[in-house]
């Protein structure tokens, strides 16, 4: 993913609500499965990290991207966005370079 594509996805992230939270248990298998399902449904999701979580937002983003094969888009404060296009019929079309 190049800079223009990431900027396009960042602009889409601004209006999204955080749909999943990393809690006091950190990144678990259940959370990773929920993220995978959400990415299949939406392709682009915003997540948050609660106070008291054993990981930072950047660490959670990195780990979830590794587990799900997603791309990190943005990480600010305790929120982050990740993107993974659907294999069949993607709804988000990234700009070409």
PDB file of N, CA and C in Angstrom:
ATOM      1  N   UNK A   1       0.854  -1.162   0.000  1.00  0.00           N
ATOM      2  CA  UNK A   1       0.000   0.000   0.000  1.00  0.00           C
ATOM      3  C   UNK A   1       0.908   1.235   0.000  1.00  0.00           C
ATOM      4  N   UNK A   2       0.599   2.185  -0.871  1.00  0.00           N
ATOM      5  CA  UNK A   2       1.418   3.385  -0.945  1.00  0.00           C
ATOM      6  C   UNK A   2       0.795   4.539  -0.142  1.00  0.00           C
ATOM      7  N   UNK A   3       1.443   5.686  -0.156  1.00  0.00           N
ATOM      8  CA  UNK A   3       1.013   6.832   0.642  1.00  0.00           C
ATOM      9  C   UNK A   3      -0.354   7.377   0.262  1.00  0.00           C
ATOM     10  N   UNK A   4      -0.646   7.450  -1.033  1.00  0.00           N
ATOM     11  CA  UNK A   4      -1.953   7.964  -1.465  1.00  0.00           C
ATOM     12  C   UNK A   4      -3.088   7.049  -1.028  1.00  0.00           C
ATOM     13  N   UNK A   5      -2.861   5.775  -1.153  1.00  0.00           N
ATOM     14  CA  UNK A   5      -3.887   4.810  -0.742  1.00  0.00           C
ATOM     15  C   UNK A   5      -4.110   4.869   0.765  1.00  0.00           C
ATOM     16  N   UNK A   6      -3.017   4.978   1.525  1.00  0.00           N
ATOM     17  CA  UNK A   6      -3.138   5.065   2.982  1.00  0.00           C
ATOM     18  C   UNK A   6      -3.853   6.361   3.381  1.00  0.00           C
ATOM     19  N   UNK A   7      -3.548   7.464   2.708  1.00  0.00           N
ATOM     20  CA  UNK A   7      -4.210   8.743   2.993  1.00  0.00           C
ATOM     21  C   UNK A   7      -5.704   8.660   2.696  1.00  0.00           C
ATOM     22  N   UNK A   8      -6.063   7.976   1.618  1.00  0.00           N
ATOM     23  CA  UNK A   8      -7.472   7.784   1.269  1.00  0.00           C
ATOM     24  C   UNK A   8      -8.196   7.008   2.371  1.00  0.00           C
ATOM     25  N   UNK A   9      -7.573   5.938   2.851  1.00  0.00           N
ATOM     26  CA  UNK A   9      -8.171   5.145   3.920  1.00  0.00           C
ATOM     27  C   UNK A   9      -8.218   5.920   5.236  1.00  0.00           C
ATOM     28  N   UNK A  10      -7.193   6.733   5.516  1.00  0.00           N
ATOM     29  CA  UNK A  10      -7.209   7.553   6.729  1.00  0.00           C
ATOM     30  C   UNK A  10      -8.368   8.526   6.719  1.00  0.00           C
ATOM     31  N   UNK A  11      -8.660   9.102   5.560  1.00  0.00           N
ATOM     32  CA  UNK A  11      -9.788  10.038   5.469  1.00  0.00           C
ATOM     33  C   UNK A  11     -11.110   9.319   5.726  1.00  0.00           C
ATOM     34  N   UNK A  12     -11.206   8.064   5.316  1.00  0.00           N
ATOM     35  CA  UNK A  12     -12.419   7.283   5.581  1.00  0.00           C
ATOM     36  C   UNK A  12     -12.519   6.921   7.063  1.00  0.00           C
ATOM     37  N   UNK A  13     -11.382   6.721   7.719  1.00  0.00           N
ATOM     38  CA  UNK A  13     -11.350   6.339   9.135  1.00  0.00           C
ATOM     39  C   UNK A  13     -11.872   7.449  10.044  1.00  0.00           C
ATOM     40  N   UNK A  14     -11.712   8.689   9.629  1.00  0.00           N
ATOM     41  CA  UNK A  14     -12.087   9.806  10.498  1.00  0.00           C
ATOM     42  C   UNK A  14     -13.544   9.755  10.929  1.00  0.00           C
ATOM     43  N   UNK A  15     -14.420   9.269  10.085  1.00  0.00           N
ATOM     44  CA  UNK A  15     -15.847   9.274  10.402  1.00  0.00           C
ATOM     45  C   UNK A  15     -16.336   7.964  11.021  1.00  0.00           C
ATOM     46  N   UNK A  16     -15.461   6.962  11.089  1.00  0.00           N
ATOM     47  CA  UNK A  16     -15.867   5.661  11.620  1.00  0.00           C
ATOM     48  C   UNK A  16     -15.878   5.665  13.146  1.00  0.00           C
ATOM     49  N   UNK A  17     -16.846   4.974  13.753  1.00  0.00           N
ATOM     50  CA  UNK A  17     -16.785   4.756  15.205  1.00  0.00           C
ATOM     51  C   UNK A  17     -15.903   3.538  15.501  1.00  0.00           C
ATOM     52  N   UNK A  18     -15.348   3.492  16.694  1.00  0.00           N
ATOM     53  CA  UNK A  18     -14.574   2.321  17.109  1.00  0.00           C
ATOM     54  C   UNK A  18     -15.553   1.184  17.397  1.00  0.00           C
ATOM     55  N   UNK A  19     -15.421   0.081  16.665  1.00  0.00           N
ATOM     56  CA  UNK A  19     -16.398  -1.011  16.815  1.00  0.00           C
ATOM     57  C   UNK A  19     -15.924  -2.124  17.729  1.00  0.00           C
ATOM     58  N   UNK A  20     -14.623  -2.205  17.969  1.00  0.00           N
ATOM     59  CA  UNK A  20     -14.079  -3.222  18.864  1.00  0.00           C
ATOM     60  C   UNK A  20     -13.069  -2.577  19.809  1.00  0.00           C
ATOM     61  N   UNK A  21     -12.954  -3.132  21.013  1.00  0.00           N
ATOM     62  CA  UNK A  21     -12.025  -2.611  22.007  1.00  0.00           C
ATOM     63  C   UNK A  21     -11.092  -3.716  22.490  1.00  0.00           C
ATOM     64  N   UNK A  22      -9.829  -3.346  22.699  1.00  0.00           N
ATOM     65  CA  UNK A  22      -8.866  -4.242  23.324  1.00  0.00           C
ATOM     66  C   UNK A  22      -8.980  -3.986  24.817  1.00  0.00           C
ATOM     67  N   UNK A  23      -9.311  -5.017  25.579  1.00  0.00           N
ATOM     68  CA  UNK A  23      -9.562  -4.869  27.004  1.00  0.00           C
ATOM     69  C   UNK A  23      -8.400  -5.290  27.872  1.00  0.00           C
ATOM     70  N   UNK A  24      -8.718  -5.593  29.114  1.00  0.00           N
ATOM     71  CA  UNK A  24      -7.683  -5.899  30.105  1.00  0.00           C
ATOM     72  C   UNK A  24      -6.951  -7.207  29.837  1.00  0.00           C
ATOM     73  N   UNK A  25      -7.518  -8.070  28.981  1.00  0.00           N
ATOM     74  CA  UNK A  25      -6.835  -9.317  28.636  1.00  0.00           C
ATOM     75  C   UNK A  25      -5.873  -9.151  27.471  1.00  0.00           C
ATOM     76  N   UNK A  26      -5.904  -8.011  26.810  1.00  0.00           N
ATOM     77  CA  UNK A  26      -5.027  -7.771  25.668  1.00  0.00           C
ATOM     78  C   UNK A  26      -5.596  -8.383  24.399  1.00  0.00           C
ATOM     79  N   UNK A  27      -4.718  -8.751  23.496  1.00  0.00           N
ATOM     80  CA  UNK A  27      -5.127  -9.345  22.217  1.00  0.00           C
ATOM     81  C   UNK A  27      -5.284 -10.848  22.416  1.00  0.00           C
ATOM     82  N   UNK A  28      -6.523 -11.311  22.386  1.00  0.00           N
ATOM     83  CA  UNK A  28      -6.813 -12.730  22.584  1.00  0.00           C
ATOM     84  C   UNK A  28      -7.224 -13.366  21.254  1.00  0.00           C
ATOM     85  N   UNK A  29      -7.342 -14.678  21.253  1.00  0.00           N
ATOM     86  CA  UNK A  29      -7.797 -15.381  20.054  1.00  0.00           C
ATOM     87  C   UNK A  29      -9.227 -14.976  19.699  1.00  0.00           C
ATOM     88  N   UNK A  30     -10.055 -14.784  20.717  1.00  0.00           N
ATOM     89  CA  UNK A  30     -11.441 -14.376  20.487  1.00  0.00           C
ATOM     90  C   UNK A  30     -11.492 -13.008  19.823  1.00  0.00           C
ATOM     91  N   UNK A  31     -10.659 -12.091  20.307  1.00  0.00           N
ATOM     92  CA  UNK A  31     -10.617 -10.751  19.709  1.00  0.00           C
ATOM     93  C   UNK A  31     -10.123 -10.830  18.264  1.00  0.00           C
ATOM     94  N   UNK A  32      -9.092 -11.624  18.018  1.00  0.00           N
ATOM     95  CA  UNK A  32      -8.563 -11.768  16.656  1.00  0.00           C
ATOM     96  C   UNK A  32      -9.623 -12.341  15.715  1.00  0.00           C
ATOM     97  N   UNK A  33     -10.418 -13.295  16.198  1.00  0.00           N
ATOM     98  CA  UNK A  33     -11.499 -13.852  15.377  1.00  0.00           C
ATOM     99  C   UNK A  33     -12.570 -12.801  15.105  1.00  0.00           C
ATOM    100  N   UNK A  34     -12.893 -11.995  16.109  1.00  0.00           N
ATOM    101  CA  UNK A  34     -13.879 -10.925  15.919  1.00  0.00           C
ATOM    102  C   UNK A  34     -13.382  -9.892  14.921  1.00  0.00           C
ATOM    103  N   UNK A  35     -12.101  -9.578  14.980  1.00  0.00           N
ATOM    104  CA  UNK A  35     -11.507  -8.626  14.032  1.00  0.00           C
ATOM    105  C   UNK A  35     -11.573  -9.193  12.618  1.00  0.00           C
ATOM    106  N   UNK A  36     -11.256 -10.464  12.468  1.00  0.00           N
ATOM    107  CA  UNK A  36     -11.311 -11.103  11.140  1.00  0.00           C
ATOM    108  C   UNK A  36     -12.729 -11.039  10.563  1.00  0.00           C
ATOM    109  N   UNK A  37     -13.724 -11.331  11.391  1.00  0.00           N
ATOM    110  CA  UNK A  37     -15.116 -11.263  10.936  1.00  0.00           C
ATOM    111  C   UNK A  37     -15.517  -9.838  10.565  1.00  0.00           C
ATOM    112  N   UNK A  38     -15.101  -8.867  11.374  1.00  0.00           N
ATOM    113  CA  UNK A  38     -15.430  -7.470  11.095  1.00  0.00           C
ATOM    114  C   UNK A  38     -14.760  -7.002   9.805  1.00  0.00           C
ATOM    115  N   UNK A  39     -13.527  -7.428   9.573  1.00  0.00           N
ATOM    116  CA  UNK A  39     -12.833  -7.052   8.338  1.00  0.00           C
ATOM    117  C   UNK A  39     -13.507  -7.667   7.117  1.00  0.00           C
ATOM    118  N   UNK A  40     -14.017  -8.881   7.229  1.00  0.00           N
ATOM    119  CA  UNK A  40     -14.734  -9.493   6.114  1.00  0.00           C
ATOM    120  C   UNK A  40     -16.019  -8.735   5.812  1.00  0.00           C
ATOM    121  N   UNK A  41     -16.654  -8.216   6.851  1.00  0.00           N
ATOM    122  CA  UNK A  41     -17.907  -7.493   6.660  1.00  0.00           C
ATOM    123  C   UNK A  41     -17.681  -6.058   6.184  1.00  0.00           C
ATOM    124  N   UNK A  42     -16.644  -5.382   6.696  1.00  0.00           N
ATOM    125  CA  UNK A  42     -16.476  -3.948   6.448  1.00  0.00           C
ATOM    126  C   UNK A  42     -15.219  -3.555   5.690  1.00  0.00           C
ATOM    127  N   UNK A  43     -14.190  -4.356   5.722  1.00  0.00           N
ATOM    128  CA  UNK A  43     -12.884  -4.111   5.115  1.00  0.00           C
ATOM    129  C   UNK A  43     -12.033  -3.095   5.874  1.00  0.00           C
ATOM    130  N   UNK A  44     -12.624  -2.055   6.437  1.00  0.00           N
ATOM    131  CA  UNK A  44     -11.897  -1.014   7.164  1.00  0.00           C
ATOM    132  C   UNK A  44     -12.566  -0.848   8.523  1.00  0.00           C
ATOM    133  N   UNK A  45     -11.799  -1.053   9.594  1.00  0.00           N
ATOM    134  CA  UNK A  45     -12.391  -0.926  10.928  1.00  0.00           C
ATOM    135  C   UNK A  45     -11.510  -0.051  11.822  1.00  0.00           C
ATOM    136  N   UNK A  46     -12.169   0.609  12.766  1.00  0.00           N
ATOM    137  CA  UNK A  46     -11.473   1.382  13.783  1.00  0.00           C
ATOM    138  C   UNK A  46     -11.649   0.654  15.105  1.00  0.00           C
ATOM    139  N   UNK A  47     -10.553   0.606  15.867  1.00  0.00           N
ATOM    140  CA  UNK A  47     -10.575  -0.062  17.160  1.00  0.00           C
ATOM    141  C   UNK A  47      -9.993   0.856  18.221  1.00  0.00           C
ATOM    142  N   UNK A  48     -10.291   0.530  19.464  1.00  0.00           N
ATOM    143  CA  UNK A  48      -9.759   1.296  20.578  1.00  0.00           C
ATOM    144  C   UNK A  48      -9.105   0.384  21.594  1.00  0.00           C
ATOM    145  N   UNK A  49      -8.282   0.982  22.452  1.00  0.00           N
ATOM    146  CA  UNK A  49      -7.631   0.252  23.535  1.00  0.00           C
ATOM    147  C   UNK A  49      -8.079   0.899  24.838  1.00  0.00           C
ATOM    148  N   UNK A  50      -8.653   0.096  25.729  1.00  0.00           N
ATOM    149  CA  UNK A  50      -9.143   0.616  26.991  1.00  0.00           C
ATOM    150  C   UNK A  50      -7.995   0.892  27.952  1.00  0.00           C
ATOM    151  N   UNK A  51      -8.286   1.761  28.928  1.00  0.00           N
ATOM    152  CA  UNK A  51      -7.310   1.995  29.992  1.00  0.00           C
ATOM    153  C   UNK A  51      -7.122   0.694  30.756  1.00  0.00           C
ATOM    154  N   UNK A  52      -5.917   0.445  31.178  1.00  0.00           N
ATOM    155  CA  UNK A  52      -5.637  -0.775  31.917  1.00  0.00           C
ATOM    156  C   UNK A  52      -5.307  -1.961  31.033  1.00  0.00           C
ATOM    157  N   UNK A  53      -5.347  -1.787  29.725  1.00  0.00           N
ATOM    158  CA  UNK A  53      -4.979  -2.884  28.817  1.00  0.00           C
ATOM    159  C   UNK A  53      -3.463  -3.086  28.887  1.00  0.00           C
ATOM    160  N   UNK A  54      -3.012  -4.327  28.772  1.00  0.00           N
ATOM    161  CA  UNK A  54      -1.579  -4.602  28.890  1.00  0.00           C
ATOM    162  C   UNK A  54      -0.759  -4.212  27.650  1.00  0.00           C
ATOM    163  N   UNK A  55      -1.413  -3.737  26.600  1.00  0.00           N
ATOM    164  CA  UNK A  55      -0.718  -3.351  25.368  1.00  0.00           C
ATOM    165  C   UNK A  55      -1.113  -1.937  24.976  1.00  0.00           C
ATOM    166  N   UNK A  56      -0.233  -1.284  24.212  1.00  0.00           N
ATOM    167  CA  UNK A  56      -0.556   0.028  23.663  1.00  0.00           C
ATOM    168  C   UNK A  56      -1.340  -0.166  22.372  1.00  0.00           C
ATOM    169  N   UNK A  57      -1.872   0.917  21.849  1.00  0.00           N
ATOM    170  CA  UNK A  57      -2.623   0.840  20.588  1.00  0.00           C
ATOM    171  C   UNK A  57      -1.717   0.366  19.451  1.00  0.00           C
ATOM    172  N   UNK A  58      -0.493   0.858  19.415  1.00  0.00           N
ATOM    173  CA  UNK A  58       0.421   0.459  18.342  1.00  0.00           C
ATOM    174  C   UNK A  58       0.769  -1.027  18.434  1.00  0.00           C
ATOM    175  N   UNK A  59       0.988  -1.524  19.635  1.00  0.00           N
ATOM    176  CA  UNK A  59       1.291  -2.948  19.810  1.00  0.00           C
ATOM    177  C   UNK A  59       0.095  -3.811  19.429  1.00  0.00           C
ATOM    178  N   UNK A  60      -1.105  -3.391  19.832  1.00  0.00           N
ATOM    179  CA  UNK A  60      -2.315  -4.142  19.485  1.00  0.00           C
ATOM    180  C   UNK A  60      -2.529  -4.140  17.978  1.00  0.00           C
ATOM    181  N   UNK A  61      -2.319  -2.992  17.353  1.00  0.00           N
ATOM    182  CA  UNK A  61      -2.481  -2.866  15.896  1.00  0.00           C
ATOM    183  C   UNK A  61      -1.521  -3.804  15.180  1.00  0.00           C
ATOM    184  N   UNK A  62      -0.261  -3.791  15.584  1.00  0.00           N
ATOM    185  CA  UNK A  62       0.748  -4.647  14.954  1.00  0.00           C
ATOM    186  C   UNK A  62       0.401  -6.124  15.111  1.00  0.00           C
ATOM    187  N   UNK A  63       0.020  -6.517  16.316  1.00  0.00           N
ATOM    188  CA  UNK A  63      -0.291  -7.931  16.561  1.00  0.00           C
ATOM    189  C   UNK A  63      -1.525  -8.382  15.785  1.00  0.00           C
ATOM    190  N   UNK A  64      -2.568  -7.548  15.776  1.00  0.00           N
ATOM    191  CA  UNK A  64      -3.789  -7.923  15.047  1.00  0.00           C
ATOM    192  C   UNK A  64      -3.544  -7.969  13.542  1.00  0.00           C
ATOM    193  N   UNK A  65      -2.727  -7.074  13.030  1.00  0.00           N
ATOM    194  CA  UNK A  65      -2.407  -7.107  11.602  1.00  0.00           C
ATOM    195  C   UNK A  65      -1.648  -8.377  11.242  1.00  0.00           C
ATOM    196  N   UNK A  66      -0.738  -8.793  12.110  1.00  0.00           N
ATOM    197  CA  UNK A  66       0.001 -10.039  11.854  1.00  0.00           C
ATOM    198  C   UNK A  66      -0.926 -11.248  11.890  1.00  0.00           C
ATOM    199  N   UNK A  67      -1.853 -11.266  12.849  1.00  0.00           N
ATOM    200  CA  UNK A  67      -2.761 -12.414  12.996  1.00  0.00           C
ATOM    201  C   UNK A  67      -3.788 -12.499  11.880  1.00  0.00           C
ATOM    202  N   UNK A  68      -4.242 -11.351  11.364  1.00  0.00           N
ATOM    203  CA  UNK A  68      -5.327 -11.356  10.386  1.00  0.00           C
ATOM    204  C   UNK A  68      -4.865 -11.115   8.952  1.00  0.00           C
ATOM    205  N   UNK A  69      -3.620 -10.702   8.761  1.00  0.00           N
ATOM    206  CA  UNK A  69      -3.140 -10.391   7.422  1.00  0.00           C
ATOM    207  C   UNK A  69      -3.616  -9.037   6.934  1.00  0.00           C
ATOM    208  N   UNK A  70      -4.010  -8.162   7.861  1.00  0.00           N
ATOM    209  CA  UNK A  70      -4.503  -6.827   7.506  1.00  0.00           C
ATOM    210  C   UNK A  70      -3.345  -5.833   7.406  1.00  0.00           C
ATOM    211  N   UNK A  71      -3.644  -4.644   6.909  1.00  0.00           N
ATOM    212  CA  UNK A  71      -2.670  -3.570   6.799  1.00  0.00           C
ATOM    213  C   UNK A  71      -2.999  -2.492   7.829  1.00  0.00           C
ATOM    214  N   UNK A  72      -1.997  -1.993   8.573  1.00  0.00           N
ATOM    215  CA  UNK A  72      -2.274  -0.873   9.470  1.00  0.00           C
ATOM    216  C   UNK A  72      -2.483   0.401   8.647  1.00  0.00           C
ATOM    217  N   UNK A  73      -3.466   1.194   9.045  1.00  0.00           N
ATOM    218  CA  UNK A  73      -3.751   2.434   8.330  1.00  0.00           C
ATOM    219  C   UNK A  73      -3.319   3.628   9.161  1.00  0.00           C
ATOM    220  N   UNK A  74      -3.731   3.655  10.432  1.00  0.00           N
ATOM    221  CA  UNK A  74      -3.479   4.816  11.262  1.00  0.00           C
ATOM    222  C   UNK A  74      -3.523   4.401  12.725  1.00  0.00           C
ATOM    223  N   UNK A  75      -2.691   5.036  13.544  1.00  0.00           N
ATOM    224  CA  UNK A  75      -2.699   4.795  14.983  1.00  0.00           C
ATOM    225  C   UNK A  75      -2.489   6.135  15.674  1.00  0.00           C
ATOM    226  N   UNK A  76      -3.528   6.612  16.361  1.00  0.00           N
ATOM    227  CA  UNK A  76      -3.456   7.884  17.067  1.00  0.00           C
ATOM    228  C   UNK A  76      -4.011   7.685  18.468  1.00  0.00           C
ATOM    229  N   UNK A  77      -3.199   7.993  19.469  1.00  0.00           N
ATOM    230  CA  UNK A  77      -3.643   7.866  20.857  1.00  0.00           C
ATOM    231  C   UNK A  77      -3.989   6.435  21.183  1.00  0.00           C
ATOM    232  N   UNK A  78      -5.232   6.210  21.621  1.00  0.00           N
ATOM    233  CA  UNK A  78      -5.663   4.853  21.960  1.00  0.00           C
ATOM    234  C   UNK A  78      -6.571   4.256  20.892  1.00  0.00           C
ATOM    235  N   UNK A  79      -6.599   4.831  19.696  1.00  0.00           N
ATOM    236  CA  UNK A  79      -7.418   4.323  18.590  1.00  0.00           C
ATOM    237  C   UNK A  79      -6.515   3.971  17.407  1.00  0.00           C
ATOM    238  N   UNK A  80      -6.945   2.984  16.645  1.00  0.00           N
ATOM    239  CA  UNK A  80      -6.213   2.630  15.424  1.00  0.00           C
ATOM    240  C   UNK A  80      -7.171   2.056  14.388  1.00  0.00           C
ATOM    241  N   UNK A  81      -6.784   2.153  13.126  1.00  0.00           N
ATOM    242  CA  UNK A  81      -7.577   1.630  12.015  1.00  0.00           C
ATOM    243  C   UNK A  81      -6.751   0.607  11.253  1.00  0.00           C
ATOM    244  N   UNK A  82      -7.427  -0.456  10.817  1.00  0.00           N
ATOM    245  CA  UNK A  82      -6.778  -1.461   9.987  1.00  0.00           C
ATOM    246  C   UNK A  82      -7.666  -1.777   8.785  1.00  0.00           C
ATOM    247  N   UNK A  83      -7.032  -2.257   7.708  1.00  0.00           N
ATOM    248  CA  UNK A  83      -7.726  -2.498   6.441  1.00  0.00           C
ATOM    249  C   UNK A  83      -7.308  -3.850   5.883  1.00  0.00           C
ATOM    250  N   UNK A  84      -8.300  -4.557   5.390  1.00  0.00           N
ATOM    251  CA  UNK A  84      -8.045  -5.805   4.661  1.00  0.00           C
ATOM    252  C   UNK A  84      -9.142  -5.948   3.618  1.00  0.00           C
ATOM    253  N   UNK A  85      -8.781  -5.912   2.324  1.00  0.00           N
ATOM    254  CA  UNK A  85      -9.814  -6.033   1.292  1.00  0.00           C
ATOM    255  C   UNK A  85     -10.400  -7.436   1.257  1.00  0.00           C
ATOM    256  N   UNK A  86     -11.669  -7.499   0.909  1.00  0.00           N
ATOM    257  CA  UNK A  86     -12.316  -8.800   0.725  1.00  0.00           C
ATOM    258  C   UNK A  86     -11.710  -9.488  -0.486  1.00  0.00           C
ATOM    259  N   UNK A  87     -11.647 -10.799  -0.426  1.00  0.00           N
ATOM    260  CA  UNK A  87     -11.123 -11.542  -1.565  1.00  0.00           C
ATOM    261  C   UNK A  87     -12.112 -11.519  -2.723  1.00  0.00           C
ATOM    262  N   UNK A  88     -13.408 -11.544  -2.400  1.00  0.00           N
ATOM    263  CA  UNK A  88     -14.446 -11.502  -3.423  1.00  0.00           C
ATOM    264  C   UNK A  88     -15.250 -10.226  -3.265  1.00  0.00           C
ATOM    265  N   UNK A  89     -15.406  -9.481  -4.324  1.00  0.00           N
ATOM    266  CA  UNK A  89     -16.212  -8.261  -4.370  1.00  0.00           C
ATOM    267  C   UNK A  89     -15.832  -7.239  -3.286  1.00  0.00           C
ATOM    268  N   UNK A  90     -14.630  -6.671  -3.348  1.00  0.00           N
ATOM    269  CA  UNK A  90     -14.272  -5.626  -2.393  1.00  0.00           C
ATOM    270  C   UNK A  90     -15.132  -4.375  -2.602  1.00  0.00           C
ATOM    271  N   UNK A  91     -15.515  -3.717  -1.516  1.00  0.00           N
ATOM    272  CA  UNK A  91     -16.350  -2.515  -1.622  1.00  0.00           C
ATOM    273  C   UNK A  91     -15.513  -1.247  -1.638  1.00  0.00           C
ATOM    274  N   UNK A  92     -14.332  -1.270  -1.040  1.00  0.00           N
ATOM    275  CA  UNK A  92     -13.467  -0.108  -1.033  1.00  0.00           C
ATOM    276  C   UNK A  92     -12.479  -0.237  -2.174  1.00  0.00           C
ATOM    277  N   UNK A  93     -12.506   0.717  -3.087  1.00  0.00           N
ATOM    278  CA  UNK A  93     -11.598   0.708  -4.228  1.00  0.00           C
ATOM    279  C   UNK A  93     -10.516   1.752  -3.973  1.00  0.00           C
ATOM    280  N   UNK A  94      -9.286   1.284  -3.842  1.00  0.00           N
ATOM    281  CA  UNK A  94      -8.174   2.187  -3.575  1.00  0.00           C
ATOM    282  C   UNK A  94      -7.760   2.890  -4.852  1.00  0.00           C
ATOM    283  N   UNK A  95      -7.319   4.173  -4.732  1.00  0.00           N
ATOM    284  CA  UNK A  95      -6.842   4.885  -5.914  1.00  0.00           C
ATOM    285  C   UNK A  95      -5.597   4.224  -6.498  1.00  0.00           C
ATOM    286  N   UNK A  96      -5.492   4.234  -7.801  1.00  0.00           N
ATOM    287  CA  UNK A  96      -4.321   3.654  -8.480  1.00  0.00           C
ATOM    288  C   UNK A  96      -3.167   4.650  -8.428  1.00  0.00           C
ATOM    289  N   UNK A  97      -1.965   4.123  -8.535  1.00  0.00           N
ATOM    290  CA  UNK A  97      -0.768   4.979  -8.501  1.00  0.00           C
ATOM    291  C   UNK A  97      -0.379   5.330  -9.911  1.00  0.00           C
TER     292      UNK A  97
END
